[in-house]
């Protein structure tokens, strides 16, 4: 006897996530993702450092050096 969830997945497949858009770094943003907004741009939270360095030109340094 299979678990009802397994049976449902076998019949219907995995549910598709709804695409919300594309962030400033070019990655797809799905409903439920954590985002930041800056001057009209959407940035995935996991891309915040890349956005600061690559797009805004922030400089990454080590404190005390």
Protein backbone atom coordinates (compact mmCIF):
# COMPACT_ATOMS: atom_id res chain seq x y z
CA UNK A 1 0.00 0.00 0.00
CA UNK A 2 1.43 3.36 -1.05
CA UNK A 3 1.20 6.61 0.82
CA UNK A 4 -1.55 8.87 -0.63
CA UNK A 5 0.96 11.65 -1.28
CA UNK A 6 3.12 9.31 -3.38
CA UNK A 7 0.09 8.20 -5.38
CA UNK A 8 -0.96 11.82 -5.99
CA UNK A 9 2.55 12.81 -7.12
CA UNK A 10 2.71 9.87 -9.50
CA UNK A 11 -0.62 10.88 -11.06
CA UNK A 12 -0.22 14.67 -11.14
CA UNK A 13 3.52 15.30 -10.92
CA UNK A 14 5.13 18.04 -8.85
CA UNK A 15 3.20 21.30 -8.55
CA UNK A 16 4.74 24.09 -10.61
CA UNK A 17 5.88 27.24 -8.84
CA UNK A 18 4.49 30.50 -10.18
CA UNK A 19 7.15 32.77 -11.63
CA UNK A 20 7.04 36.28 -10.13
CA UNK A 21 9.68 37.78 -12.42
CA UNK A 22 13.43 38.08 -12.93
CA UNK A 23 15.78 39.80 -10.49
CA UNK A 24 18.48 42.35 -11.32
CA UNK A 25 21.08 39.56 -11.47
CA UNK A 26 19.07 37.65 -14.10
CA UNK A 27 17.70 34.88 -11.86
CA UNK A 28 14.06 33.81 -11.90
CA UNK A 29 12.03 34.86 -8.87
CA UNK A 30 9.21 32.57 -7.77
CA UNK A 31 6.24 33.37 -5.55
CA UNK A 32 7.34 32.90 -1.95
CA UNK A 33 11.02 33.80 -2.55
CA UNK A 34 12.58 36.39 -0.25
CA UNK A 35 13.39 39.54 -2.20
CA UNK A 36 14.73 43.04 -1.71
CA UNK A 37 13.60 46.06 -3.70
CA UNK A 38 16.00 48.87 -4.57
CA UNK A 39 15.08 51.77 -6.85
CA UNK A 40 12.53 49.67 -8.71
CA UNK A 41 14.80 46.63 -9.04
CA UNK A 42 13.95 43.25 -7.54
CA UNK A 43 16.87 41.36 -5.99
CA UNK A 44 16.68 37.85 -4.60
CA UNK A 45 17.89 37.92 -1.02
CA UNK A 46 20.56 35.33 -1.87
CA UNK A 47 21.87 37.67 -4.62
CA UNK A 48 22.16 40.76 -2.41
CA UNK A 49 25.97 40.61 -2.10
CA UNK A 50 26.42 40.07 -5.85
CA UNK A 51 24.10 43.01 -6.53
CA UNK A 52 26.03 45.30 -4.21
CA UNK A 53 29.42 44.36 -5.66
CA UNK A 54 28.71 43.67 -9.33
CA UNK A 55 25.96 46.17 -10.07
CA UNK A 56 26.28 48.97 -7.53
CA UNK A 57 30.08 48.81 -7.47
CA UNK A 58 30.55 48.22 -3.75
CA UNK A 59 34.05 47.11 -2.81
CA UNK A 60 34.51 43.96 -0.72
CA UNK A 61 37.26 44.31 1.88
CA UNK A 62 38.52 42.68 5.04
CA UNK A 63 38.24 44.82 8.16
CA UNK A 64 41.58 45.92 9.57
CA UNK A 65 43.53 45.39 6.34
